[in-house]
Amino acid sequence: MKNSFLFIVCVLLGTSILQAQTNERPLIEQTIQLYFDGWMTGDTTKVGKAMHSTCHLKVYRDGVFRNVNRAQYLSGFKPHAKEEGTSGRIKLIDFEGNIASAKCELETPKAVFTDYFNLIKVQDFWYIVDKVSTRKDK
């Protein structure tokens, strides 16, 4: 009887944890989609909301390593219509508790950007806290 009770408690606890984990994926995807929507239209409000205030972008291109803070990054955006042939894709999401990592691609007619995001859940919202990026011209 004691073993049966312990088994039932473990199954219920495991189910609750699995359910909580399953519910996080759409929330992570929502943050990334917000970033995509802002990036593709130059909307700094959307991009800024997806990024935590401490977020940094790191990129190595043309022999130069750059570490750009959130304010510097957002200052490079200008509002524009979404360009034909521009899209964003989430390739992979891995998460545990309140941390996550995502591999994403943003494609334009001229280039494909591969971004790796580190995210953290603060209260009820997932934020991008760190980004590394590379660009491949078409």
Protein backbone atom coordinates (compact mmCIF):
# COMPACT_ATOMS: atom_id res chain seq x y z
CA MET A 1 0.00 0.00 0.00
CA LYS A 2 2.81 2.41 0.93
CA ASN A 3 4.69 1.55 -2.28
CA SER A 4 1.55 2.07 -4.38
CA PHE A 5 0.98 5.49 -2.83
CA LEU A 6 4.61 6.48 -3.45
CA PHE A 7 4.35 5.28 -7.05
CA ILE A 8 1.18 7.31 -7.65
CA VAL A 9 2.75 10.43 -6.13
CA CYS A 10 5.84 10.02 -8.34
CA VAL A 11 3.71 9.56 -11.48
CA LEU A 12 1.59 12.62 -10.68
CA LEU A 13 4.65 14.72 -9.90
CA GLY A 14 6.36 13.58 -13.09
CA THR A 15 3.24 14.36 -15.12
CA SER A 16 3.01 17.84 -13.57
CA ILE A 17 6.65 18.58 -14.35
CA LEU A 18 6.27 17.30 -17.92
CA GLN A 19 3.11 19.41 -18.38
CA ALA A 20 4.91 22.53 -17.09
CA GLN A 21 7.84 21.86 -19.44
CA THR A 22 5.49 21.32 -22.40
CA ASN A 23 3.73 24.63 -21.71
CA GLU A 24 7.03 26.56 -21.86
CA ARG A 25 7.86 25.77 -25.50
CA PRO A 26 5.07 27.96 -26.97
CA LEU A 27 6.11 30.82 -24.67
CA ILE A 28 9.72 30.55 -25.84
CA GLU A 29 8.53 30.42 -29.47
CA GLN A 30 6.38 33.51 -28.82
CA THR A 31 9.44 35.53 -27.70
CA ILE A 32 11.47 34.39 -30.70
CA GLN A 33 8.61 35.20 -33.08
CA LEU A 34 8.35 38.66 -31.54
CA TYR A 35 12.06 39.11 -32.27
CA PHE A 36 11.60 37.83 -35.85
CA ASP A 37 8.65 40.17 -36.50
CA GLY A 38 10.59 43.17 -35.22
CA TRP A 39 13.81 42.23 -37.02
CA MET A 40 12.05 41.76 -40.36
CA THR A 41 10.31 45.18 -40.17
CA GLY A 42 12.83 47.25 -38.20
CA ASP A 43 10.41 47.52 -35.27
CA THR A 44 12.63 48.28 -32.27
CA THR A 45 9.67 47.99 -29.89
CA LYS A 46 9.18 44.32 -30.81
CA VAL A 47 12.89 43.47 -30.90
CA GLY A 48 13.46 45.37 -27.66
CA LYS A 49 10.62 43.59 -25.88
CA ALA A 50 12.07 40.19 -26.82
CA MET A 51 15.53 41.14 -25.49
CA HIS A 52 16.39 41.53 -21.83
CA SER A 53 17.93 44.90 -20.93
CA THR A 54 21.28 43.15 -20.31
CA CYS A 55 21.32 41.35 -23.68
CA HIS A 56 24.46 41.41 -25.81
CA LEU A 57 25.03 40.42 -29.44
CA LYS A 58 28.34 38.80 -30.23
CA VAL A 59 29.57 38.41 -33.77
CA TYR A 60 32.91 37.69 -35.44
CA ARG A 61 33.13 38.91 -39.02
CA ASP A 62 35.93 40.05 -41.30
CA GLY A 63 38.52 39.32 -38.61
CA VAL A 64 36.79 41.53 -36.05
CA PHE A 65 35.01 40.40 -32.89
CA ARG A 66 32.18 42.69 -31.85
CA ASN A 67 30.25 42.69 -28.58
CA VAL A 68 27.22 44.96 -29.00
CA ASN A 69 24.88 45.88 -26.14
CA ARG A 70 21.11 46.07 -26.52
CA ALA A 71 20.94 49.86 -26.99
CA GLN A 72 23.66 49.81 -29.68
CA TYR A 73 21.94 46.92 -31.45
CA LEU A 74 18.50 48.56 -31.43
CA SER A 75 19.94 51.84 -32.74
CA GLY A 76 20.81 50.08 -36.00
CA PHE A 77 17.16 49.38 -36.89
CA LYS A 78 15.04 51.58 -39.13
CA PRO A 79 11.31 50.88 -39.68
CA HIS A 80 10.53 49.34 -43.07
CA ALA A 81 8.06 47.02 -44.77
CA LYS A 82 8.88 43.32 -44.61
CA GLU A 83 10.97 42.54 -47.65
CA GLU A 84 9.67 39.88 -50.04
CA GLY A 85 11.54 36.60 -49.49
CA THR A 86 12.37 37.35 -45.84
CA SER A 87 11.52 34.70 -43.27
CA GLY A 88 12.46 33.39 -39.84
CA ARG A 89 12.68 29.78 -38.68
CA ILE A 90 13.26 28.18 -35.32
CA LYS A 91 15.54 25.22 -35.97
CA LEU A 92 15.98 23.96 -32.41
CA ILE A 93 14.86 24.75 -28.87
CA ASP A 94 16.31 23.19 -25.74
CA PHE A 95 15.16 24.23 -22.28
CA GLU A 96 15.32 23.25 -18.65
CA GLY A 97 13.52 25.07 -15.87
CA ASN A 98 13.81 28.79 -16.51
CA ILE A 99 16.65 28.71 -19.08
CA ALA A 100 16.60 27.93 -22.79
CA SER A 101 18.72 27.90 -25.91
CA ALA A 102 17.46 28.26 -29.48
CA LYS A 103 19.02 27.97 -32.92
CA CYS A 104 17.24 30.18 -35.45
CA GLU A 105 17.62 31.28 -39.04
CA LEU A 106 16.60 34.57 -40.59
CA GLU A 107 16.66 34.58 -44.36
CA THR A 108 16.65 37.59 -46.65
CA PRO A 109 17.04 37.67 -50.43
CA LYS A 110 20.74 38.47 -49.92
CA ALA A 111 21.82 36.42 -46.88
CA VAL A 112 21.02 33.78 -44.29
CA PHE A 113 21.68 34.68 -40.66
CA THR A 114 22.10 31.91 -38.11
CA ASP A 115 21.44 33.07 -34.56
CA TYR A 116 21.88 31.20 -31.32
CA PHE A 117 19.82 32.71 -28.52
CA ASN A 118 20.18 32.08 -24.81
CA LEU A 119 16.92 32.86 -23.04
CA ILE A 120 15.82 33.11 -19.44
CA LYS A 121 12.34 33.23 -17.96
CA VAL A 122 11.82 36.20 -15.66
CA GLN A 123 8.46 36.10 -13.89
CA ASP A 124 6.13 34.99 -16.69
CA PHE A 125 8.08 36.10 -19.78
CA TRP A 126 10.99 34.59 -21.69
CA TYR A 127 13.74 37.06 -22.68
CA ILE A 128 16.69 36.74 -25.03
CA VAL A 129 19.69 37.45 -22.78
CA ASP A 130 22.50 36.65 -25.19
CA LYS A 131 22.88 36.21 -28.93
CA VAL A 132 25.67 34.98 -31.18
CA SER A 133 25.20 35.37 -34.88
CA THR A 134 26.78 34.57 -38.20
CA ARG A 135 25.89 35.61 -41.74
CA LYS A 136 26.24 33.70 -44.98
CA ASP A 137 25.76 35.70 -48.17
CA LYS A 138 23.80 34.01 -50.94
